[in-house]
Amino acid sequence: MIETAFVSIETFTSEEFERLMADLPANDPNTYELIDGRIIMTPPAGWPHGRYEAHIVSKLAQFVESCNLGLVFGSSQGFRLTEKDTVAPDAAYVSNQRWAESPSPVVGKPLRVIPNLVVEILSPTTAKNDLEDKRALYERCGIDEYWIVDPQKPSITILALKGGQYEEMDAARGHGRVHSRILPGFSVALEEIAPST
């Protein structure tokens, strides 16, 4: 399967983007995000993206919920980060404090909260965007940790904000375990999230 992405030439605000998304057919399988005012459409990800995502969301949710630390979301949840940026990371964690300080959620609309942690799983379609545009956006918006998962290598890299800029805090390549700084006690081994078949 060849994955291709579409990027709009015209720019939009997050409000205009939300109106456009409301008019899409309910059975549209594509993912739409707004980055720097441009709509980026990507098709459903190919194997093994979904298995990595399922394992990461499950592990993160299990840890966060068992410790009553906040909320965990999968890739179907949109986040309106700025007036020109609405994204849907593969996984996201929002602390209880950030959730309490954010505007009340509106049914059918992206959340207006900055996650504490986001995870992006690279695919041929999204790798450049995830490694460049989203990295800069997440850094600028103050997302404390950005986890980048590369199923092809395989690897997990954790970037953490330090002085307003991301620095590599931990990494596992081929095998090994990474540890979160903002969620003490939470760690993930590559072997735990990679599909067995």
C-alpha atoms as a PDB file:
ATOM      1  CA  MET A   1       0.000   0.000   0.000  1.00  0.00           C
ATOM      2  CA  ILE A   2       1.380   3.394  -0.957  1.00  0.00           C
ATOM      3  CA  GLU A   3       0.554   6.138   1.504  1.00  0.00           C
ATOM      4  CA  THR A   4       0.256   9.662   0.160  1.00  0.00           C
ATOM      5  CA  ALA A   5      -0.576  12.929   1.885  1.00  0.00           C
ATOM      6  CA  PHE A   6      -2.337  16.052   0.694  1.00  0.00           C
ATOM      7  CA  VAL A   7      -1.373  19.534   1.918  1.00  0.00           C
ATOM      8  CA  SER A   8      -3.615  22.496   1.130  1.00  0.00           C
ATOM      9  CA  ILE A   9      -2.238  25.553  -0.617  1.00  0.00           C
ATOM     10  CA  GLU A  10      -4.836  27.813   0.975  1.00  0.00           C
ATOM     11  CA  THR A  11      -4.533  28.570   4.695  1.00  0.00           C
ATOM     12  CA  PHE A  12      -7.295  28.338   7.294  1.00  0.00           C
ATOM     13  CA  THR A  13      -7.942  29.230  10.919  1.00  0.00           C
ATOM     14  CA  SER A  14      -8.746  26.484  13.417  1.00  0.00           C
ATOM     15  CA  GLU A  15     -12.360  27.677  13.446  1.00  0.00           C
ATOM     16  CA  GLU A  16     -12.624  27.436   9.638  1.00  0.00           C
ATOM     17  CA  PHE A  17     -10.940  24.030   9.781  1.00  0.00           C
ATOM     18  CA  GLU A  18     -13.501  22.769  12.305  1.00  0.00           C
ATOM     19  CA  ARG A  19     -16.378  23.919  10.072  1.00  0.00           C
ATOM     20  CA  LEU A  20     -14.850  22.107   7.089  1.00  0.00           C
ATOM     21  CA  MET A  21     -14.359  18.936   9.141  1.00  0.00           C
ATOM     22  CA  ALA A  22     -18.004  19.021  10.267  1.00  0.00           C
ATOM     23  CA  ASP A  23     -19.051  18.775   6.603  1.00  0.00           C
ATOM     24  CA  LEU A  24     -17.009  15.637   5.848  1.00  0.00           C
ATOM     25  CA  PRO A  25     -18.858  12.350   5.324  1.00  0.00           C
ATOM     26  CA  ALA A  26     -19.004  10.240   8.488  1.00  0.00           C
ATOM     27  CA  ASN A  27     -17.322   7.322   6.700  1.00  0.00           C
ATOM     28  CA  ASP A  28     -14.254   9.318   5.550  1.00  0.00           C
ATOM     29  CA  PRO A  29     -11.299   7.166   6.711  1.00  0.00           C
ATOM     30  CA  ASN A  30      -8.653   9.881   6.341  1.00  0.00           C
ATOM     31  CA  THR A  31      -7.023  11.919   9.093  1.00  0.00           C
ATOM     32  CA  TYR A  32      -7.065  15.699   8.832  1.00  0.00           C
ATOM     33  CA  GLU A  33      -4.843  18.073  10.779  1.00  0.00           C
ATOM     34  CA  LEU A  34      -4.187  21.803  10.571  1.00  0.00           C
ATOM     35  CA  ILE A  35      -0.553  22.833  10.897  1.00  0.00           C
ATOM     36  CA  ASP A  36       0.470  26.451  10.435  1.00  0.00           C
ATOM     37  CA  GLY A  37      -2.901  27.071   8.793  1.00  0.00           C
ATOM     38  CA  ARG A  38      -2.544  24.343   6.150  1.00  0.00           C
ATOM     39  CA  ILE A  39      -4.763  21.282   6.068  1.00  0.00           C
ATOM     40  CA  ILE A  40      -2.838  18.022   5.936  1.00  0.00           C
ATOM     41  CA  MET A  41      -4.812  14.946   4.909  1.00  0.00           C
ATOM     42  CA  THR A  42      -3.318  11.491   5.399  1.00  0.00           C
ATOM     43  CA  PRO A  43      -4.864   8.124   4.548  1.00  0.00           C
ATOM     44  CA  PRO A  44      -5.229   5.336   7.100  1.00  0.00           C
ATOM     45  CA  ALA A  45      -1.778   4.168   8.188  1.00  0.00           C
ATOM     46  CA  GLY A  46      -0.369   0.879   6.966  1.00  0.00           C
ATOM     47  CA  TRP A  47       0.884  -2.059   9.014  1.00  0.00           C
ATOM     48  CA  PRO A  48       2.281  -2.083  11.745  1.00  0.00           C
ATOM     49  CA  HIS A  49       1.343   1.479  12.785  1.00  0.00           C
ATOM     50  CA  GLY A  50      -1.991   0.510  14.351  1.00  0.00           C
ATOM     51  CA  ARG A  51      -0.494  -2.246  16.506  1.00  0.00           C
ATOM     52  CA  TYR A  52       2.170   0.102  17.882  1.00  0.00           C
ATOM     53  CA  GLU A  53      -0.507   2.696  18.605  1.00  0.00           C
ATOM     54  CA  ALA A  54      -2.803   0.205  20.346  1.00  0.00           C
ATOM     55  CA  HIS A  55      -0.005  -1.025  22.613  1.00  0.00           C
ATOM     56  CA  ILE A  56       1.240   2.465  23.496  1.00  0.00           C
ATOM     57  CA  VAL A  57      -2.222   3.878  24.236  1.00  0.00           C
ATOM     58  CA  SER A  58      -3.051   0.806  26.336  1.00  0.00           C
ATOM     59  CA  LYS A  59       0.159   0.983  28.397  1.00  0.00           C
ATOM     60  CA  LEU A  60      -0.082   4.736  28.881  1.00  0.00           C
ATOM     61  CA  ALA A  61      -3.767   4.623  29.860  1.00  0.00           C
ATOM     62  CA  GLN A  62      -3.227   1.741  32.259  1.00  0.00           C
ATOM     63  CA  PHE A  63      -0.453   3.619  34.081  1.00  0.00           C
ATOM     64  CA  VAL A  64      -2.127   7.046  34.120  1.00  0.00           C
ATOM     65  CA  GLU A  65      -5.532   5.738  35.203  1.00  0.00           C
ATOM     66  CA  SER A  66      -4.170   3.384  37.874  1.00  0.00           C
ATOM     67  CA  CYS A  67      -2.343   6.352  39.450  1.00  0.00           C
ATOM     68  CA  ASN A  68      -5.238   8.800  38.810  1.00  0.00           C
ATOM     69  CA  LEU A  69      -2.881  11.220  37.040  1.00  0.00           C
ATOM     70  CA  GLY A  70      -5.115  12.491  34.233  1.00  0.00           C
ATOM     71  CA  LEU A  71      -6.512  11.427  30.870  1.00  0.00           C
ATOM     72  CA  VAL A  72      -5.091   9.514  27.893  1.00  0.00           C
ATOM     73  CA  PHE A  73      -6.329   9.865  24.320  1.00  0.00           C
ATOM     74  CA  GLY A  74      -5.779   7.967  21.069  1.00  0.00           C
ATOM     75  CA  SER A  75      -5.434   9.270  17.531  1.00  0.00           C
ATOM     76  CA  SER A  76      -9.125  10.040  17.042  1.00  0.00           C
ATOM     77  CA  GLN A  77      -8.932  12.965  19.499  1.00  0.00           C
ATOM     78  CA  GLY A  78      -8.124  16.370  18.058  1.00  0.00           C
ATOM     79  CA  PHE A  79      -6.334  19.104  19.995  1.00  0.00           C
ATOM     80  CA  ARG A  80      -6.686  22.764  19.042  1.00  0.00           C
ATOM     81  CA  LEU A  81      -3.267  24.039  20.081  1.00  0.00           C
ATOM     82  CA  THR A  82      -3.412  27.505  18.501  1.00  0.00           C
ATOM     83  CA  GLU A  83      -5.655  29.474  16.161  1.00  0.00           C
ATOM     84  CA  LYS A  84      -3.769  27.907  13.213  1.00  0.00           C
ATOM     85  CA  ASP A  85      -2.950  24.443  14.571  1.00  0.00           C
ATOM     86  CA  THR A  86      -5.262  21.500  15.284  1.00  0.00           C
ATOM     87  CA  VAL A  87      -3.601  18.091  15.538  1.00  0.00           C
ATOM     88  CA  ALA A  88      -4.464  14.476  16.337  1.00  0.00           C
ATOM     89  CA  PRO A  89      -1.367  12.790  17.819  1.00  0.00           C
ATOM     90  CA  ASP A  90      -1.263   8.987  17.926  1.00  0.00           C
ATOM     91  CA  ALA A  91      -1.417   9.168  21.733  1.00  0.00           C
ATOM     92  CA  ALA A  92      -1.628  12.003  24.241  1.00  0.00           C
ATOM     93  CA  TYR A  93      -1.624  12.458  28.005  1.00  0.00           C
ATOM     94  CA  VAL A  94      -3.209  15.436  29.781  1.00  0.00           C
ATOM     95  CA  SER A  95      -2.574  15.848  33.512  1.00  0.00           C
ATOM     96  CA  ASN A  96      -5.443  16.456  35.931  1.00  0.00           C
ATOM     97  CA  GLN A  97      -4.129  19.982  36.523  1.00  0.00           C
ATOM     98  CA  ARG A  98      -4.023  20.931  32.828  1.00  0.00           C
ATOM     99  CA  TRP A  99      -7.447  19.378  32.305  1.00  0.00           C
ATOM    100  CA  ALA A 100      -8.926  21.400  35.192  1.00  0.00           C
ATOM    101  CA  GLU A 101      -7.385  24.626  33.846  1.00  0.00           C
ATOM    102  CA  SER A 102      -8.576  24.104  30.252  1.00  0.00           C
ATOM    103  CA  PRO A 103     -11.868  25.236  28.700  1.00  0.00           C
ATOM    104  CA  SER A 104     -14.725  22.760  29.091  1.00  0.00           C
ATOM    105  CA  PRO A 105     -14.849  20.227  26.257  1.00  0.00           C
ATOM    106  CA  VAL A 106     -17.497  20.688  23.569  1.00  0.00           C
ATOM    107  CA  VAL A 107     -19.041  17.551  22.075  1.00  0.00           C
ATOM    108  CA  GLY A 108     -17.755  16.969  18.556  1.00  0.00           C
ATOM    109  CA  LYS A 109     -15.004  19.615  18.776  1.00  0.00           C
ATOM    110  CA  PRO A 110     -11.236  19.316  19.322  1.00  0.00           C
ATOM    111  CA  LEU A 111     -10.058  19.793  22.892  1.00  0.00           C
ATOM    112  CA  ARG A 112      -8.567  23.195  23.718  1.00  0.00           C
ATOM    113  CA  VAL A 113      -5.798  21.974  25.982  1.00  0.00           C
ATOM    114  CA  ILE A 114      -2.055  21.493  25.537  1.00  0.00           C
ATOM    115  CA  PRO A 115      -1.169  17.855  26.321  1.00  0.00           C
ATOM    116  CA  ASN A 116       1.708  17.155  28.693  1.00  0.00           C
ATOM    117  CA  LEU A 117       2.931  14.290  26.506  1.00  0.00           C
ATOM    118  CA  VAL A 118       2.309  13.291  22.898  1.00  0.00           C
ATOM    119  CA  VAL A 119       3.341  10.252  20.881  1.00  0.00           C
ATOM    120  CA  GLU A 120       3.731  10.136  17.115  1.00  0.00           C
ATOM    121  CA  ILE A 121       4.365   6.888  15.245  1.00  0.00           C
ATOM    122  CA  LEU A 122       6.256   7.498  12.023  1.00  0.00           C
ATOM    123  CA  SER A 123       4.930   6.247   8.707  1.00  0.00           C
ATOM    124  CA  PRO A 124       6.156   6.947   5.171  1.00  0.00           C
ATOM    125  CA  THR A 125       3.447   9.607   4.815  1.00  0.00           C
ATOM    126  CA  THR A 126       3.912  11.376   8.136  1.00  0.00           C
ATOM    127  CA  ALA A 127       7.622  11.037   8.992  1.00  0.00           C
ATOM    128  CA  LYS A 128       8.770  14.411   7.620  1.00  0.00           C
ATOM    129  CA  ASN A 129       5.815  16.211   9.182  1.00  0.00           C
ATOM    130  CA  ASP A 130       6.261  14.428  12.547  1.00  0.00           C
ATOM    131  CA  LEU A 131      10.024  15.014  12.694  1.00  0.00           C
ATOM    132  CA  GLU A 132       9.997  18.636  11.542  1.00  0.00           C
ATOM    133  CA  ASP A 133       6.686  20.524  11.570  1.00  0.00           C
ATOM    134  CA  LYS A 134       5.075  18.799  14.536  1.00  0.00           C
ATOM    135  CA  ARG A 135       8.292  18.798  16.522  1.00  0.00           C
ATOM    136  CA  ALA A 136       8.543  22.587  16.113  1.00  0.00           C
ATOM    137  CA  LEU A 137       4.837  23.026  16.897  1.00  0.00           C
ATOM    138  CA  TYR A 138       4.900  20.839  20.007  1.00  0.00           C
ATOM    139  CA  GLU A 139       8.035  22.592  21.225  1.00  0.00           C
ATOM    140  CA  ARG A 140       6.521  26.046  20.639  1.00  0.00           C
ATOM    141  CA  CYS A 141       3.276  25.077  22.425  1.00  0.00           C
ATOM    142  CA  GLY A 142       5.093  23.768  25.506  1.00  0.00           C
ATOM    143  CA  ILE A 143       4.324  20.051  25.294  1.00  0.00           C
ATOM    144  CA  ASP A 144       6.656  18.643  27.954  1.00  0.00           C
ATOM    145  CA  GLU A 145       7.500  15.318  26.286  1.00  0.00           C
ATOM    146  CA  TYR A 146       7.369  14.250  22.658  1.00  0.00           C
ATOM    147  CA  TRP A 147       7.778  10.520  22.024  1.00  0.00           C
ATOM    148  CA  ILE A 148       8.731   9.543  18.471  1.00  0.00           C
ATOM    149  CA  VAL A 149       8.253   5.884  17.572  1.00  0.00           C
ATOM    150  CA  ASP A 150       9.836   4.557  14.373  1.00  0.00           C
ATOM    151  CA  PRO A 151       8.529   1.058  13.529  1.00  0.00           C
ATOM    152  CA  GLN A 152      11.020   0.689  10.657  1.00  0.00           C
ATOM    153  CA  LYS A 153      14.183   0.907  12.789  1.00  0.00           C
ATOM    154  CA  PRO A 154      12.568   0.084  15.369  1.00  0.00           C
ATOM    155  CA  SER A 155      13.175   2.857  17.894  1.00  0.00           C
ATOM    156  CA  ILE A 156      11.608   5.132  20.489  1.00  0.00           C
ATOM    157  CA  THR A 157      13.047   8.580  21.140  1.00  0.00           C
ATOM    158  CA  ILE A 158      11.854  10.831  23.958  1.00  0.00           C
ATOM    159  CA  LEU A 159      12.335  14.557  23.530  1.00  0.00           C
ATOM    160  CA  ALA A 160      11.873  16.686  26.649  1.00  0.00           C
ATOM    161  CA  LEU A 161      11.539  20.445  26.949  1.00  0.00           C
ATOM    162  CA  LYS A 162      14.498  22.148  28.555  1.00  0.00           C
ATOM    163  CA  GLY A 163      14.676  25.923  28.450  1.00  0.00           C
ATOM    164  CA  GLY A 164      11.881  26.009  25.861  1.00  0.00           C
ATOM    165  CA  GLN A 165      13.652  23.633  23.454  1.00  0.00           C
ATOM    166  CA  TYR A 166      13.515  19.894  22.942  1.00  0.00           C
ATOM    167  CA  GLU A 167      16.498  17.784  23.904  1.00  0.00           C
ATOM    168  CA  GLU A 168      16.785  14.032  23.511  1.00  0.00           C
ATOM    169  CA  MET A 169      16.181  12.671  26.995  1.00  0.00           C
ATOM    170  CA  ASP A 170      16.053   8.930  26.372  1.00  0.00           C
ATOM    171  CA  ALA A 171      16.097   6.515  23.459  1.00  0.00           C
ATOM    172  CA  ALA A 172      15.877   2.818  22.660  1.00  0.00           C
ATOM    173  CA  ARG A 173      17.048   1.552  19.283  1.00  0.00           C
ATOM    174  CA  GLY A 174      16.508  -2.047  18.214  1.00  0.00           C
ATOM    175  CA  HIS A 175      15.660  -3.046  21.778  1.00  0.00           C
ATOM    176  CA  GLY A 176      15.594  -1.532  25.243  1.00  0.00           C
ATOM    177  CA  ARG A 177      13.386   0.573  27.484  1.00  0.00           C
ATOM    178  CA  VAL A 178      12.657   4.302  27.693  1.00  0.00           C
ATOM    179  CA  HIS A 179      11.538   6.184  30.801  1.00  0.00           C
ATOM    180  CA  SER A 180       9.284   9.222  31.074  1.00  0.00           C
ATOM    181  CA  ARG A 181      10.477  12.209  33.068  1.00  0.00           C
ATOM    182  CA  ILE A 182       7.020  13.709  33.621  1.00  0.00           C
ATOM    183  CA  LEU A 183       5.442  10.365  34.580  1.00  0.00           C
ATOM    184  CA  PRO A 184       7.890   8.929  37.137  1.00  0.00           C
ATOM    185  CA  GLY A 185       7.692   5.145  37.114  1.00  0.00           C
ATOM    186  CA  PHE A 186       6.311   4.929  33.570  1.00  0.00           C
ATOM    187  CA  SER A 187       8.534   3.165  31.064  1.00  0.00           C
ATOM    188  CA  VAL A 188       8.053   1.292  27.806  1.00  0.00           C
ATOM    189  CA  ALA A 189      10.231  -1.366  26.217  1.00  0.00           C
ATOM    190  CA  LEU A 190      10.342  -1.642  22.444  1.00  0.00           C
ATOM    191  CA  GLU A 191       9.632  -5.351  22.787  1.00  0.00           C
ATOM    192  CA  GLU A 192       6.363  -4.542  24.609  1.00  0.00           C
ATOM    193  CA  ILE A 193       4.906  -2.401  21.836  1.00  0.00           C
ATOM    194  CA  ALA A 194       6.242  -4.057  18.677  1.00  0.00           C
ATOM    195  CA  PRO A 195       3.822  -6.471  17.008  1.00  0.00           C
ATOM    196  CA  SER A 196       4.756 -10.112  17.480  1.00  0.00           C
ATOM    197  CA  THR A 197       3.705 -11.029  13.922  1.00  0.00           C
END
